[in-house]
Amino acid sequence: MNPLPHHYTVHSHAAAEGSVALSARGLPTLQSAPPAEFGGPGDQWSPETLLMAAVADCFVLTFRAIARASELEWKELDCRAEGKLDRVERITRFVSIQLQADLTLAPGGDPESAQRLLEKAEKACLISNSLDLTVDLHANVKTV
């Protein structure tokens, strides 16, 4: 890992109508639009879905690093992040995130250790730690 602080730059470009183009050096451009809940088309990534994607992705990548350091062998992890958007004190904001993590261990894996590592990953995720909201983890661990 490079020493902190790290800096991340994204550029957005839009006309008066249509999608917003999101770009960053060396990455494919994404098209964004408001979600259907805000009158958008509902068929493109939105700031809201991108935020939930960032939380789910960060959780999985954090778990991967923690599991590697703990020498936990696992097969796959499916994670769903569902954010609750509400109005609090006249400000519309995300107030909570529900993480549903379904982890499949390698044969002979230890479900209790895996559960502890999933909880550790939830607490260590830098994206959700950067948000002012509660995150609830619901995990299922199975062995093949």
C-alpha atoms as a PDB file:
ATOM      1  CA  MET A   1       0.000   0.000   0.000  1.00  0.00           C
ATOM      2  CA  ASN A   2       1.176   3.506  -0.758  1.00  0.00           C
ATOM      3  CA  PRO A   3       1.589   5.877   2.174  1.00  0.00           C
ATOM      4  CA  LEU A   4      -1.414   8.028   3.111  1.00  0.00           C
ATOM      5  CA  PRO A   5      -2.938  10.369   2.209  1.00  0.00           C
ATOM      6  CA  HIS A   6      -4.299   8.997  -1.071  1.00  0.00           C
ATOM      7  CA  HIS A   7      -6.134  11.205  -3.571  1.00  0.00           C
ATOM      8  CA  TYR A   8      -8.887  10.077  -5.956  1.00  0.00           C
ATOM      9  CA  THR A   9     -10.159  12.278  -8.766  1.00  0.00           C
ATOM     10  CA  VAL A  10     -13.299  11.764 -10.841  1.00  0.00           C
ATOM     11  CA  HIS A  11     -14.530  14.125 -13.537  1.00  0.00           C
ATOM     12  CA  SER A  12     -18.206  14.531 -14.409  1.00  0.00           C
ATOM     13  CA  HIS A  13     -19.510  16.138 -17.577  1.00  0.00           C
ATOM     14  CA  ALA A  14     -23.116  16.795 -18.585  1.00  0.00           C
ATOM     15  CA  ALA A  15     -25.270  18.856 -20.915  1.00  0.00           C
ATOM     16  CA  ALA A  16     -28.570  20.446 -19.856  1.00  0.00           C
ATOM     17  CA  GLU A  17     -30.353  17.147 -20.646  1.00  0.00           C
ATOM     18  CA  GLY A  18     -29.279  13.513 -20.709  1.00  0.00           C
ATOM     19  CA  SER A  19     -26.759  11.386 -18.877  1.00  0.00           C
ATOM     20  CA  VAL A  20     -23.754  12.485 -16.883  1.00  0.00           C
ATOM     21  CA  ALA A  21     -20.418  11.053 -18.063  1.00  0.00           C
ATOM     22  CA  LEU A  22     -18.151  10.019 -15.186  1.00  0.00           C
ATOM     23  CA  SER A  23     -14.494   9.485 -15.939  1.00  0.00           C
ATOM     24  CA  ALA A  24     -11.222   8.883 -14.147  1.00  0.00           C
ATOM     25  CA  ARG A  25      -7.746   8.392 -15.528  1.00  0.00           C
ATOM     26  CA  GLY A  26      -7.263   4.872 -16.884  1.00  0.00           C
ATOM     27  CA  LEU A  27     -10.862   3.770 -16.261  1.00  0.00           C
ATOM     28  CA  PRO A  28     -13.830   3.246 -18.569  1.00  0.00           C
ATOM     29  CA  THR A  29     -16.355   6.080 -18.629  1.00  0.00           C
ATOM     30  CA  LEU A  30     -19.636   5.439 -16.788  1.00  0.00           C
ATOM     31  CA  GLN A  31     -22.960   7.002 -17.659  1.00  0.00           C
ATOM     32  CA  SER A  32     -25.084   8.203 -14.756  1.00  0.00           C
ATOM     33  CA  ALA A  33     -28.612   9.553 -14.383  1.00  0.00           C
ATOM     34  CA  PRO A  34     -31.082  10.126 -11.574  1.00  0.00           C
ATOM     35  CA  PRO A  35     -32.785   6.966 -10.319  1.00  0.00           C
ATOM     36  CA  ALA A  36     -36.469   6.362 -11.052  1.00  0.00           C
ATOM     37  CA  GLU A  37     -37.287   7.468  -7.493  1.00  0.00           C
ATOM     38  CA  PHE A  38     -36.106  10.975  -8.417  1.00  0.00           C
ATOM     39  CA  GLY A  39     -37.789  11.044 -11.832  1.00  0.00           C
ATOM     40  CA  GLY A  40     -34.864   9.602 -13.773  1.00  0.00           C
ATOM     41  CA  PRO A  41     -34.979   6.792 -16.326  1.00  0.00           C
ATOM     42  CA  GLY A  42     -33.979   4.111 -13.811  1.00  0.00           C
ATOM     43  CA  ASP A  43     -31.840   2.270 -16.359  1.00  0.00           C
ATOM     44  CA  GLN A  44     -28.415   3.735 -15.532  1.00  0.00           C
ATOM     45  CA  TRP A  45     -26.130   3.944 -12.548  1.00  0.00           C
ATOM     46  CA  SER A  46     -27.056   6.828 -10.268  1.00  0.00           C
ATOM     47  CA  PRO A  47     -25.194   8.506  -7.414  1.00  0.00           C
ATOM     48  CA  GLU A  48     -27.328   6.427  -5.037  1.00  0.00           C
ATOM     49  CA  THR A  49     -26.572   3.076  -6.702  1.00  0.00           C
ATOM     50  CA  LEU A  50     -22.908   4.005  -7.117  1.00  0.00           C
ATOM     51  CA  LEU A  51     -22.683   4.667  -3.378  1.00  0.00           C
ATOM     52  CA  MET A  52     -24.219   1.283  -2.543  1.00  0.00           C
ATOM     53  CA  ALA A  53     -21.859  -0.339  -5.075  1.00  0.00           C
ATOM     54  CA  ALA A  54     -18.906   1.336  -3.347  1.00  0.00           C
ATOM     55  CA  VAL A  55     -20.026  -0.004   0.052  1.00  0.00           C
ATOM     56  CA  ALA A  56     -20.561  -3.564  -1.233  1.00  0.00           C
ATOM     57  CA  ASP A  57     -17.306  -3.553  -3.192  1.00  0.00           C
ATOM     58  CA  CYS A  58     -15.308  -2.162  -0.270  1.00  0.00           C
ATOM     59  CA  PHE A  59     -16.787  -4.761   2.088  1.00  0.00           C
ATOM     60  CA  VAL A  60     -15.825  -7.630  -0.245  1.00  0.00           C
ATOM     61  CA  LEU A  61     -12.314  -6.294  -0.895  1.00  0.00           C
ATOM     62  CA  THR A  62     -11.776  -5.675   2.826  1.00  0.00           C
ATOM     63  CA  PHE A  63     -12.955  -9.195   3.641  1.00  0.00           C
ATOM     64  CA  ARG A  64     -10.642 -10.603   0.971  1.00  0.00           C
ATOM     65  CA  ALA A  65      -7.631  -8.869   2.551  1.00  0.00           C
ATOM     66  CA  ILE A  66      -8.578  -9.883   6.107  1.00  0.00           C
ATOM     67  CA  ALA A  67      -9.285 -13.490   5.066  1.00  0.00           C
ATOM     68  CA  ARG A  68      -5.929 -13.674   3.262  1.00  0.00           C
ATOM     69  CA  ALA A  69      -4.084 -12.356   6.327  1.00  0.00           C
ATOM     70  CA  SER A  70      -5.976 -14.840   8.522  1.00  0.00           C
ATOM     71  CA  GLU A  71      -5.355 -17.703   6.080  1.00  0.00           C
ATOM     72  CA  LEU A  72      -9.076 -18.423   5.770  1.00  0.00           C
ATOM     73  CA  GLU A  73      -9.841 -20.455   2.665  1.00  0.00           C
ATOM     74  CA  TRP A  74     -13.110 -19.532   1.037  1.00  0.00           C
ATOM     75  CA  LYS A  75     -14.818 -20.068  -2.312  1.00  0.00           C
ATOM     76  CA  GLU A  76     -17.124 -17.090  -2.887  1.00  0.00           C
ATOM     77  CA  LEU A  77     -18.808 -14.146  -1.241  1.00  0.00           C
ATOM     78  CA  ASP A  78     -22.035 -12.546  -2.430  1.00  0.00           C
ATOM     79  CA  CYS A  79     -22.860  -9.207  -0.868  1.00  0.00           C
ATOM     80  CA  ARG A  80     -25.939  -7.047  -1.249  1.00  0.00           C
ATOM     81  CA  ALA A  81     -25.924  -3.470   0.087  1.00  0.00           C
ATOM     82  CA  GLU A  82     -29.322  -1.851   0.549  1.00  0.00           C
ATOM     83  CA  GLY A  83     -29.336   1.782   1.610  1.00  0.00           C
ATOM     84  CA  LYS A  84     -32.257   3.544   3.241  1.00  0.00           C
ATOM     85  CA  LEU A  85     -32.663   7.136   2.048  1.00  0.00           C
ATOM     86  CA  ASP A  86     -34.820   9.369   4.223  1.00  0.00           C
ATOM     87  CA  ARG A  87     -35.336  12.982   5.206  1.00  0.00           C
ATOM     88  CA  VAL A  88     -33.770  13.933   8.543  1.00  0.00           C
ATOM     89  CA  GLU A  89     -34.077  17.480   9.832  1.00  0.00           C
ATOM     90  CA  ARG A  90     -35.061  18.705   6.330  1.00  0.00           C
ATOM     91  CA  ILE A  91     -32.017  17.018   4.736  1.00  0.00           C
ATOM     92  CA  THR A  92     -32.380  14.034   2.408  1.00  0.00           C
ATOM     93  CA  ARG A  93     -29.638  11.539   3.237  1.00  0.00           C
ATOM     94  CA  PHE A  94     -28.827   7.878   3.638  1.00  0.00           C
ATOM     95  CA  VAL A  95     -29.594   6.876   7.216  1.00  0.00           C
ATOM     96  CA  SER A  96     -28.702   3.180   7.190  1.00  0.00           C
ATOM     97  CA  ILE A  97     -27.283   0.364   5.118  1.00  0.00           C
ATOM     98  CA  GLN A  98     -28.188  -3.303   5.356  1.00  0.00           C
ATOM     99  CA  LEU A  99     -25.407  -5.618   4.195  1.00  0.00           C
ATOM    100  CA  GLN A 100     -26.384  -9.173   3.323  1.00  0.00           C
ATOM    101  CA  ALA A 101     -23.258 -11.313   2.985  1.00  0.00           C
ATOM    102  CA  ASP A 102     -23.429 -14.938   1.875  1.00  0.00           C
ATOM    103  CA  LEU A 103     -20.050 -16.629   2.243  1.00  0.00           C
ATOM    104  CA  THR A 104     -19.173 -20.090   0.973  1.00  0.00           C
ATOM    105  CA  LEU A 105     -16.172 -21.663   2.649  1.00  0.00           C
ATOM    106  CA  ALA A 106     -13.796 -24.260   1.283  1.00  0.00           C
ATOM    107  CA  PRO A 107     -14.316 -27.818   2.597  1.00  0.00           C
ATOM    108  CA  GLY A 108     -13.264 -28.038   6.233  1.00  0.00           C
ATOM    109  CA  GLY A 109     -13.620 -24.292   6.763  1.00  0.00           C
ATOM    110  CA  ASP A 110     -14.434 -22.872  10.176  1.00  0.00           C
ATOM    111  CA  PRO A 111     -17.801 -21.040  10.074  1.00  0.00           C
ATOM    112  CA  GLU A 112     -17.235 -19.308  13.434  1.00  0.00           C
ATOM    113  CA  SER A 113     -13.886 -17.855  12.344  1.00  0.00           C
ATOM    114  CA  ALA A 114     -15.414 -16.825   9.029  1.00  0.00           C
ATOM    115  CA  GLN A 115     -18.259 -15.051  10.819  1.00  0.00           C
ATOM    116  CA  ARG A 116     -15.766 -13.120  12.963  1.00  0.00           C
ATOM    117  CA  LEU A 117     -13.798 -12.111   9.862  1.00  0.00           C
ATOM    118  CA  LEU A 118     -16.977 -10.919   8.108  1.00  0.00           C
ATOM    119  CA  GLU A 119     -17.782  -8.752  11.138  1.00  0.00           C
ATOM    120  CA  LYS A 120     -14.209  -7.452  11.185  1.00  0.00           C
ATOM    121  CA  ALA A 121     -14.475  -6.554   7.485  1.00  0.00           C
ATOM    122  CA  GLU A 122     -17.714  -4.648   8.106  1.00  0.00           C
ATOM    123  CA  LYS A 123     -16.047  -2.619  10.856  1.00  0.00           C
ATOM    124  CA  ALA A 124     -12.903  -1.972   8.758  1.00  0.00           C
ATOM    125  CA  CYS A 125     -14.576  -0.947   5.465  1.00  0.00           C
ATOM    126  CA  LEU A 126     -13.280   2.544   4.721  1.00  0.00           C
ATOM    127  CA  ILE A 127     -16.254   3.532   2.561  1.00  0.00           C
ATOM    128  CA  SER A 128     -18.946   2.780   5.150  1.00  0.00           C
ATOM    129  CA  ASN A 129     -16.672   4.218   7.871  1.00  0.00           C
ATOM    130  CA  SER A 130     -16.663   7.473   5.882  1.00  0.00           C
ATOM    131  CA  LEU A 131     -20.458   7.759   6.043  1.00  0.00           C
ATOM    132  CA  ASP A 132     -22.557   9.105   8.907  1.00  0.00           C
ATOM    133  CA  LEU A 133     -25.009   6.212   9.190  1.00  0.00           C
ATOM    134  CA  THR A 134     -25.480   2.792  10.726  1.00  0.00           C
ATOM    135  CA  VAL A 135     -24.476  -0.389   8.924  1.00  0.00           C
ATOM    136  CA  ASP A 136     -26.103  -3.685   9.884  1.00  0.00           C
ATOM    137  CA  LEU A 137     -24.443  -6.888   8.696  1.00  0.00           C
ATOM    138  CA  HIS A 138     -26.496 -10.022   8.180  1.00  0.00           C
ATOM    139  CA  ALA A 139     -24.226 -12.929   7.284  1.00  0.00           C
ATOM    140  CA  ASN A 140     -24.767 -16.524   6.231  1.00  0.00           C
ATOM    141  CA  VAL A 141     -21.771 -18.815   6.185  1.00  0.00           C
ATOM    142  CA  LYS A 142     -21.870 -22.252   4.580  1.00  0.00           C
ATOM    143  CA  THR A 143     -19.295 -24.884   3.718  1.00  0.00           C
ATOM    144  CA  VAL A 144     -19.307 -26.875   0.484  1.00  0.00           C
END
